[in-house]
N, C-alpha and C. Protein backbone atom coordinates (compact mmCIF):
# COMPACT_ATOMS: atom_id res chain seq x y z
N UNK A 1 -40.25 -8.55 6.33
CA UNK A 1 -38.96 -8.28 5.71
C UNK A 1 -37.97 -9.38 6.10
N UNK A 2 -37.48 -10.10 5.13
CA UNK A 2 -36.63 -11.25 5.45
C UNK A 2 -35.19 -10.90 5.82
N UNK A 3 -34.71 -9.72 5.47
CA UNK A 3 -33.32 -9.37 5.74
C UNK A 3 -33.24 -8.40 6.91
N UNK A 4 -32.29 -8.65 7.79
CA UNK A 4 -32.10 -7.85 9.00
C UNK A 4 -31.93 -6.36 8.69
N UNK A 5 -31.16 -6.04 7.68
CA UNK A 5 -30.86 -4.63 7.37
C UNK A 5 -32.09 -3.84 6.96
N UNK A 6 -33.10 -4.51 6.42
CA UNK A 6 -34.29 -3.79 5.95
C UNK A 6 -35.05 -3.14 7.09
N UNK A 7 -34.85 -3.63 8.30
CA UNK A 7 -35.51 -3.06 9.47
C UNK A 7 -34.74 -1.88 10.06
N UNK A 8 -33.50 -1.70 9.63
CA UNK A 8 -32.67 -0.63 10.19
C UNK A 8 -33.08 0.73 9.61
N UNK A 9 -33.41 1.65 10.49
CA UNK A 9 -33.81 2.99 10.06
C UNK A 9 -32.66 3.69 9.33
N UNK A 10 -31.43 3.45 9.78
CA UNK A 10 -30.28 4.07 9.12
C UNK A 10 -30.16 3.58 7.68
N UNK A 11 -30.48 2.34 7.43
CA UNK A 11 -30.45 1.83 6.06
C UNK A 11 -31.54 2.50 5.23
N UNK A 12 -32.73 2.63 5.80
CA UNK A 12 -33.84 3.28 5.10
C UNK A 12 -33.50 4.74 4.79
N UNK A 13 -32.88 5.43 5.77
CA UNK A 13 -32.48 6.83 5.56
C UNK A 13 -31.39 6.93 4.48
N UNK A 14 -30.52 5.94 4.42
CA UNK A 14 -29.47 5.97 3.40
C UNK A 14 -30.05 5.77 2.00
N UNK A 15 -31.12 4.99 1.91
CA UNK A 15 -31.82 4.87 0.62
C UNK A 15 -32.44 6.21 0.22
N UNK A 16 -33.03 6.89 1.21
CA UNK A 16 -33.61 8.22 0.94
C UNK A 16 -32.53 9.17 0.43
N UNK A 17 -31.37 9.15 1.08
CA UNK A 17 -30.27 10.02 0.65
C UNK A 17 -29.84 9.69 -0.77
N UNK A 18 -29.70 8.41 -1.09
CA UNK A 18 -29.30 8.01 -2.44
C UNK A 18 -30.30 8.50 -3.49
N UNK A 19 -31.57 8.49 -3.14
CA UNK A 19 -32.62 8.97 -4.05
C UNK A 19 -32.50 10.48 -4.25
N UNK A 20 -32.27 11.21 -3.17
CA UNK A 20 -32.10 12.66 -3.26
C UNK A 20 -30.89 13.00 -4.11
N UNK A 21 -29.78 12.32 -3.85
CA UNK A 21 -28.54 12.57 -4.61
C UNK A 21 -28.75 12.25 -6.08
N UNK A 22 -29.43 11.17 -6.37
CA UNK A 22 -29.69 10.79 -7.76
C UNK A 22 -30.48 11.89 -8.47
N UNK A 23 -31.53 12.38 -7.83
CA UNK A 23 -32.36 13.42 -8.44
C UNK A 23 -31.58 14.72 -8.65
N UNK A 24 -30.82 15.13 -7.66
CA UNK A 24 -30.06 16.38 -7.77
C UNK A 24 -28.93 16.25 -8.78
N UNK A 25 -28.28 15.10 -8.83
CA UNK A 25 -27.16 14.92 -9.76
C UNK A 25 -27.62 14.93 -11.22
N UNK A 26 -28.88 14.69 -11.47
CA UNK A 26 -29.40 14.76 -12.84
C UNK A 26 -29.35 16.19 -13.39
N UNK A 27 -29.24 17.17 -12.51
CA UNK A 27 -29.16 18.58 -12.91
C UNK A 27 -27.71 19.01 -13.16
N UNK A 28 -26.73 18.16 -12.85
CA UNK A 28 -25.33 18.51 -13.03
C UNK A 28 -25.05 18.71 -14.52
N UNK A 29 -24.10 19.58 -14.84
CA UNK A 29 -23.75 19.77 -16.26
C UNK A 29 -23.13 18.51 -16.86
N UNK A 30 -23.23 18.39 -18.17
CA UNK A 30 -22.74 17.19 -18.86
C UNK A 30 -21.25 16.93 -18.61
N UNK A 31 -20.46 17.99 -18.46
CA UNK A 31 -19.03 17.77 -18.25
C UNK A 31 -18.72 17.13 -16.89
N UNK A 32 -19.70 17.09 -15.99
CA UNK A 32 -19.52 16.44 -14.70
C UNK A 32 -20.08 15.02 -14.67
N UNK A 33 -20.65 14.56 -15.78
CA UNK A 33 -21.31 13.26 -15.83
C UNK A 33 -20.41 12.12 -15.36
N UNK A 34 -19.17 12.09 -15.83
CA UNK A 34 -18.26 11.01 -15.48
C UNK A 34 -17.27 11.42 -14.39
N UNK A 35 -17.52 12.56 -13.79
CA UNK A 35 -16.63 13.04 -12.75
C UNK A 35 -17.42 13.14 -11.44
N UNK A 36 -17.82 14.33 -11.07
CA UNK A 36 -18.47 14.56 -9.78
C UNK A 36 -19.84 13.89 -9.68
N UNK A 37 -20.60 13.91 -10.74
CA UNK A 37 -21.92 13.28 -10.73
C UNK A 37 -21.81 11.79 -10.43
N UNK A 38 -20.92 11.13 -11.11
CA UNK A 38 -20.70 9.70 -10.90
C UNK A 38 -20.17 9.43 -9.49
N UNK A 39 -19.24 10.25 -9.05
CA UNK A 39 -18.61 10.06 -7.74
C UNK A 39 -19.62 10.19 -6.60
N UNK A 40 -20.45 11.22 -6.64
CA UNK A 40 -21.40 11.43 -5.55
C UNK A 40 -22.47 10.34 -5.53
N UNK A 41 -22.89 9.89 -6.71
CA UNK A 41 -23.89 8.82 -6.77
C UNK A 41 -23.33 7.51 -6.23
N UNK A 42 -22.08 7.19 -6.60
CA UNK A 42 -21.47 5.95 -6.10
C UNK A 42 -21.27 6.01 -4.59
N UNK A 43 -20.86 7.17 -4.08
CA UNK A 43 -20.66 7.32 -2.63
C UNK A 43 -21.99 7.18 -1.89
N UNK A 44 -23.03 7.83 -2.40
CA UNK A 44 -24.35 7.75 -1.74
C UNK A 44 -24.88 6.32 -1.77
N UNK A 45 -24.75 5.64 -2.89
CA UNK A 45 -25.20 4.25 -3.00
C UNK A 45 -24.41 3.33 -2.06
N UNK A 46 -23.14 3.62 -1.90
CA UNK A 46 -22.26 2.80 -1.09
C UNK A 46 -22.69 2.75 0.37
N UNK A 47 -23.32 3.79 0.85
CA UNK A 47 -23.75 3.81 2.26
C UNK A 47 -24.73 2.67 2.53
N UNK A 48 -25.81 2.63 1.78
CA UNK A 48 -26.82 1.59 2.01
C UNK A 48 -26.29 0.20 1.67
N UNK A 49 -25.48 0.12 0.64
CA UNK A 49 -24.95 -1.19 0.23
C UNK A 49 -24.02 -1.79 1.29
N UNK A 50 -23.20 -0.96 1.91
CA UNK A 50 -22.31 -1.47 2.96
C UNK A 50 -23.05 -1.82 4.24
N UNK A 51 -24.09 -1.05 4.56
CA UNK A 51 -24.91 -1.40 5.72
C UNK A 51 -25.57 -2.76 5.48
N UNK A 52 -26.11 -2.95 4.30
CA UNK A 52 -26.78 -4.21 3.96
C UNK A 52 -25.79 -5.37 3.99
N UNK A 53 -24.67 -5.22 3.31
CA UNK A 53 -23.70 -6.31 3.21
C UNK A 53 -23.14 -6.69 4.57
N UNK A 54 -22.86 -5.70 5.39
CA UNK A 54 -22.26 -5.98 6.69
C UNK A 54 -23.21 -6.58 7.71
N UNK A 55 -24.49 -6.34 7.54
CA UNK A 55 -25.46 -6.75 8.57
C UNK A 55 -25.85 -8.22 8.50
N UNK A 56 -25.72 -8.83 7.36
CA UNK A 56 -26.28 -10.16 7.16
C UNK A 56 -25.23 -11.25 7.31
N UNK A 57 -25.40 -12.05 8.32
CA UNK A 57 -24.53 -13.20 8.52
C UNK A 57 -23.12 -12.85 8.93
N UNK A 58 -22.92 -11.69 9.49
CA UNK A 58 -21.58 -11.27 9.88
C UNK A 58 -21.48 -11.20 11.41
N UNK A 59 -20.26 -11.25 11.89
CA UNK A 59 -20.02 -11.03 13.31
C UNK A 59 -20.14 -9.53 13.59
N UNK A 60 -20.28 -9.16 14.86
CA UNK A 60 -20.36 -7.74 15.20
C UNK A 60 -19.11 -6.96 14.76
N UNK A 61 -17.90 -7.49 14.98
CA UNK A 61 -16.72 -6.75 14.50
C UNK A 61 -16.73 -6.56 12.98
N UNK A 62 -17.18 -7.58 12.25
CA UNK A 62 -17.24 -7.46 10.79
C UNK A 62 -18.30 -6.44 10.38
N UNK A 63 -19.45 -6.47 11.05
CA UNK A 63 -20.51 -5.50 10.76
C UNK A 63 -20.00 -4.09 11.04
N UNK A 64 -19.27 -3.91 12.13
CA UNK A 64 -18.71 -2.60 12.45
C UNK A 64 -17.75 -2.12 11.37
N UNK A 65 -16.99 -3.05 10.80
CA UNK A 65 -16.06 -2.69 9.72
C UNK A 65 -16.83 -2.15 8.52
N UNK A 66 -17.92 -2.82 8.15
CA UNK A 66 -18.75 -2.35 7.04
C UNK A 66 -19.43 -1.02 7.37
N UNK A 67 -19.82 -0.85 8.62
CA UNK A 67 -20.41 0.43 9.03
C UNK A 67 -19.38 1.55 8.92
N UNK A 68 -18.11 1.23 9.19
CA UNK A 68 -17.05 2.21 9.03
C UNK A 68 -16.90 2.63 7.57
N UNK A 69 -17.03 1.68 6.67
CA UNK A 69 -16.96 1.99 5.24
C UNK A 69 -18.16 2.85 4.84
N UNK A 70 -19.34 2.51 5.36
CA UNK A 70 -20.54 3.30 5.08
C UNK A 70 -20.38 4.73 5.59
N UNK A 71 -19.78 4.85 6.76
CA UNK A 71 -19.55 6.17 7.35
C UNK A 71 -18.62 7.01 6.48
N UNK A 72 -17.56 6.38 5.99
CA UNK A 72 -16.63 7.11 5.11
C UNK A 72 -17.30 7.52 3.80
N UNK A 73 -18.19 6.69 3.30
CA UNK A 73 -18.94 7.05 2.09
C UNK A 73 -19.86 8.23 2.36
N UNK A 74 -20.45 8.25 3.54
CA UNK A 74 -21.31 9.37 3.93
C UNK A 74 -20.52 10.68 3.93
N UNK A 75 -19.33 10.62 4.50
CA UNK A 75 -18.47 11.81 4.54
C UNK A 75 -18.01 12.18 3.13
N UNK A 76 -17.81 11.20 2.28
CA UNK A 76 -17.44 11.46 0.89
C UNK A 76 -18.54 12.24 0.17
N UNK A 77 -19.79 11.91 0.45
CA UNK A 77 -20.91 12.66 -0.14
C UNK A 77 -20.83 14.12 0.28
N UNK A 78 -20.51 14.37 1.54
CA UNK A 78 -20.38 15.74 2.04
C UNK A 78 -19.25 16.46 1.28
N UNK A 79 -18.14 15.78 1.10
CA UNK A 79 -17.05 16.38 0.32
C UNK A 79 -17.48 16.72 -1.09
N UNK A 80 -18.24 15.83 -1.70
CA UNK A 80 -18.73 16.07 -3.07
C UNK A 80 -19.65 17.27 -3.15
N UNK A 81 -20.52 17.43 -2.16
CA UNK A 81 -21.45 18.58 -2.24
C UNK A 81 -20.72 19.90 -2.00
N UNK A 82 -19.63 19.84 -1.23
CA UNK A 82 -18.83 21.07 -1.08
C UNK A 82 -18.20 21.44 -2.42
N UNK A 83 -17.68 20.45 -3.14
CA UNK A 83 -17.13 20.73 -4.47
C UNK A 83 -18.21 21.25 -5.41
N UNK A 84 -19.37 20.60 -5.38
CA UNK A 84 -20.47 21.02 -6.26
C UNK A 84 -20.93 22.44 -5.95
N UNK A 85 -20.94 22.79 -4.70
CA UNK A 85 -21.34 24.15 -4.31
C UNK A 85 -20.30 25.17 -4.79
N UNK A 86 -19.03 24.85 -4.61
CA UNK A 86 -17.97 25.77 -5.07
C UNK A 86 -17.96 25.95 -6.58
N UNK A 87 -18.38 24.91 -7.28
CA UNK A 87 -18.44 24.98 -8.74
C UNK A 87 -19.78 25.52 -9.24
N UNK A 88 -20.60 25.97 -8.31
CA UNK A 88 -21.93 26.53 -8.63
C UNK A 88 -22.82 25.54 -9.38
N UNK A 89 -22.72 24.27 -8.98
CA UNK A 89 -23.51 23.23 -9.62
C UNK A 89 -24.81 22.98 -8.85
N UNK A 90 -24.74 23.12 -7.53
CA UNK A 90 -25.95 22.90 -6.72
C UNK A 90 -26.32 24.17 -5.97
N UNK A 91 -27.59 24.27 -5.66
CA UNK A 91 -28.10 25.42 -4.91
C UNK A 91 -27.80 25.25 -3.42
N UNK A 92 -27.92 26.33 -2.68
CA UNK A 92 -27.76 26.26 -1.23
C UNK A 92 -28.81 25.33 -0.62
N UNK A 93 -30.03 25.36 -1.15
CA UNK A 93 -31.09 24.48 -0.64
C UNK A 93 -30.75 23.01 -0.84
N UNK A 94 -30.26 22.66 -2.03
CA UNK A 94 -29.87 21.28 -2.29
C UNK A 94 -28.68 20.87 -1.41
N UNK A 95 -27.73 21.79 -1.25
CA UNK A 95 -26.59 21.54 -0.38
C UNK A 95 -27.06 21.22 1.03
N UNK A 96 -27.92 22.06 1.56
CA UNK A 96 -28.43 21.89 2.94
C UNK A 96 -29.22 20.60 3.09
N UNK A 97 -30.01 20.27 2.10
CA UNK A 97 -30.82 19.05 2.15
C UNK A 97 -29.93 17.82 2.25
N UNK A 98 -28.92 17.77 1.41
CA UNK A 98 -28.01 16.62 1.42
C UNK A 98 -27.15 16.63 2.69
N UNK A 99 -26.66 17.80 3.06
CA UNK A 99 -25.80 17.91 4.23
C UNK A 99 -26.51 17.42 5.49
N UNK A 100 -27.74 17.86 5.68
CA UNK A 100 -28.51 17.46 6.86
C UNK A 100 -28.78 15.96 6.87
N UNK A 101 -29.08 15.39 5.71
CA UNK A 101 -29.30 13.95 5.62
C UNK A 101 -28.02 13.19 5.97
N UNK A 102 -26.89 13.66 5.47
CA UNK A 102 -25.60 13.02 5.76
C UNK A 102 -25.26 13.12 7.25
N UNK A 103 -25.54 14.27 7.82
CA UNK A 103 -25.29 14.47 9.24
C UNK A 103 -26.12 13.50 10.09
N UNK A 104 -27.38 13.35 9.74
CA UNK A 104 -28.28 12.44 10.46
C UNK A 104 -27.79 10.98 10.33
N UNK A 105 -27.39 10.61 9.13
CA UNK A 105 -26.90 9.25 8.90
C UNK A 105 -25.61 9.00 9.67
N UNK A 106 -24.72 9.98 9.71
CA UNK A 106 -23.47 9.86 10.46
C UNK A 106 -23.75 9.55 11.93
N UNK A 107 -24.66 10.28 12.53
CA UNK A 107 -25.02 10.07 13.93
C UNK A 107 -25.60 8.67 14.13
N UNK A 108 -26.46 8.25 13.21
CA UNK A 108 -27.10 6.94 13.32
C UNK A 108 -26.10 5.80 13.14
N UNK A 109 -25.19 5.93 12.22
CA UNK A 109 -24.17 4.89 12.02
C UNK A 109 -23.29 4.78 13.28
N UNK A 110 -22.87 5.92 13.81
CA UNK A 110 -22.04 5.89 15.02
C UNK A 110 -22.78 5.24 16.19
N UNK A 111 -24.07 5.54 16.33
CA UNK A 111 -24.87 4.93 17.40
C UNK A 111 -25.00 3.43 17.20
N UNK A 112 -25.21 3.01 15.96
CA UNK A 112 -25.31 1.59 15.67
C UNK A 112 -23.99 0.87 15.96
N UNK A 113 -22.87 1.50 15.59
CA UNK A 113 -21.57 0.91 15.87
C UNK A 113 -21.37 0.74 17.37
N UNK A 114 -21.73 1.75 18.15
CA UNK A 114 -21.58 1.67 19.62
C UNK A 114 -22.46 0.58 20.21
N UNK A 115 -23.64 0.38 19.62
CA UNK A 115 -24.55 -0.65 20.15
C UNK A 115 -24.02 -2.06 19.92
N UNK A 116 -23.07 -2.20 19.03
CA UNK A 116 -22.50 -3.51 18.72
C UNK A 116 -21.35 -3.90 19.64
N UNK A 117 -20.94 -2.99 20.51
CA UNK A 117 -19.82 -3.28 21.45
C UNK A 117 -20.24 -4.28 22.51
């Protein structure tokens, strides 16, 4: 693997999350296509993209800044699934699956940020 970020487990987990979100969002009603469905997919994709962008050729402080953006995107996904659950768009199982993945990624991003100090 030629890029540093490809070796990061947190990046790999964020790809898994984006795939899960993509699959679940396909079940959203059509009226959510350009609203919540789009928002949750962009937030989930943003996690891996910011980890990748920040890791390559950046200083540790710059990488930490990108990790902070990835972390906020992770939390945004959690906010989106709460809205989706309240609107009866996703099941409890789908909510839990995404929530647990986001929680795991949050812990991993924070650990990676601390390792850069």
